[in-house]
Amino acid sequence: MSGLRRAEGVVESEMEGDLFLVRPADGEIYHLDRMAAAVWNLLAEPMSRAEVLAIFREAFPEVGPERIAADLDAALDEMLRDGLLEEA
């Protein structure tokens, strides 16, 4: 996985502190959990997985690096599979 970016055409909507994305191809709506929302916000500009991971590790020094990496990979894999992110 090299660089990552938001998929083109995905529409973002915030309601009462929750972030929702709408996939343009079929109008499917996704409710983002806190990690996925943070990833989405970080990827306002394309960056690599390593850059995103470094930011999360700095933001959550009390969480083990393996746990952060596993959680991040799960979020990225799901968002890529659902067409919300794409490789840059």
Protein backbone atom coordinates (compact mmCIF):
# COMPACT_ATOMS: atom_id res chain seq x y z
CA MET A 1 0.00 0.00 0.00
CA SER A 2 1.63 3.25 -1.10
CA GLY A 3 -0.10 6.60 -0.87
CA LEU A 4 -3.74 6.87 0.07
CA ARG A 5 -6.38 9.46 -0.71
CA ARG A 6 -10.10 9.99 -0.44
CA ALA A 7 -12.01 8.41 -3.32
CA GLU A 8 -13.32 10.90 -5.82
CA GLY A 9 -16.93 11.94 -5.42
CA VAL A 10 -17.47 10.62 -1.87
CA VAL A 11 -19.74 13.06 -0.05
CA GLU A 12 -19.13 13.84 3.62
CA SER A 13 -21.83 14.86 6.08
CA GLU A 14 -21.58 15.52 9.79
CA MET A 15 -24.61 15.14 12.03
CA GLU A 16 -24.51 15.68 15.78
CA GLY A 17 -20.78 14.94 15.93
CA ASP A 18 -20.98 11.77 13.81
CA LEU A 19 -19.37 11.57 10.39
CA PHE A 20 -21.18 9.90 7.49
CA LEU A 21 -19.91 9.28 3.96
CA VAL A 22 -21.99 8.62 0.87
CA ARG A 23 -20.44 6.52 -1.89
CA PRO A 24 -21.25 8.12 -5.26
CA ALA A 25 -21.59 4.92 -7.28
CA ASP A 26 -24.68 3.68 -5.45
CA GLY A 27 -25.58 6.16 -2.71
CA GLU A 28 -24.52 3.72 0.03
CA ILE A 29 -24.18 5.54 3.38
CA TYR A 30 -21.36 4.76 5.82
CA HIS A 31 -21.21 5.80 9.46
CA LEU A 32 -17.55 6.19 10.46
CA ASP A 33 -16.29 5.14 13.86
CA ARG A 34 -13.77 7.38 15.60
CA MET A 35 -10.71 5.80 13.96
CA ALA A 36 -12.20 5.81 10.46
CA ALA A 37 -13.32 9.43 10.91
CA ALA A 38 -9.79 10.39 12.00
CA VAL A 39 -8.34 8.60 8.97
CA TRP A 40 -10.82 10.37 6.68
CA ASN A 41 -9.91 13.75 8.17
CA LEU A 42 -6.16 13.07 7.85
CA LEU A 43 -6.54 12.10 4.22
CA ALA A 44 -7.88 15.50 3.20
CA GLU A 45 -4.44 15.52 1.58
CA PRO A 46 -2.99 12.25 0.23
CA MET A 47 -0.41 10.57 2.45
CA SER A 48 1.17 7.21 2.97
CA ARG A 49 0.07 4.56 5.44
CA ALA A 50 3.37 5.11 7.27
CA GLU A 51 2.59 8.82 7.68
CA VAL A 52 -0.92 8.09 9.01
CA LEU A 53 0.50 5.47 11.38
CA ALA A 54 3.14 7.91 12.70
CA ILE A 55 0.44 10.50 13.44
CA PHE A 56 -1.71 7.95 15.30
CA ARG A 57 1.27 6.69 17.31
CA GLU A 58 2.14 10.25 18.32
CA ALA A 59 -1.47 11.03 19.21
CA PHE A 60 -1.90 7.87 21.31
CA PRO A 61 1.46 7.11 22.96
CA GLU A 62 -0.26 5.10 25.70
CA VAL A 63 -1.54 2.54 23.17
CA GLY A 64 0.85 -0.15 22.02
CA PRO A 65 2.26 0.36 18.51
CA GLU A 66 1.11 -3.11 17.39
CA ARG A 67 -2.45 -2.37 18.46
CA ILE A 68 -2.47 0.97 16.63
CA ALA A 69 -1.06 -0.64 13.47
CA ALA A 70 -3.63 -3.47 13.56
CA ASP A 71 -6.56 -1.08 14.16
CA LEU A 72 -5.33 1.28 11.44
CA ASP A 73 -4.88 -1.55 8.93
CA ALA A 74 -8.41 -2.81 9.67
CA ALA A 75 -9.88 0.67 9.13
CA LEU A 76 -7.88 1.27 5.94
CA ASP A 77 -8.73 -2.16 4.50
CA GLU A 78 -12.45 -1.63 5.14
CA MET A 79 -12.46 1.89 3.70
CA LEU A 80 -10.53 0.75 0.61
CA ARG A 81 -12.83 -2.26 0.12
CA ASP A 82 -15.91 -0.03 0.43
CA GLY A 83 -14.57 2.42 -2.16
CA LEU A 84 -14.23 5.34 0.25
CA LEU A 85 -10.45 5.54 -0.14
CA GLU A 86 -8.17 4.70 -3.02
CA GLU A 87 -4.47 4.27 -3.55
CA ALA A 88 -2.80 7.42 -4.82
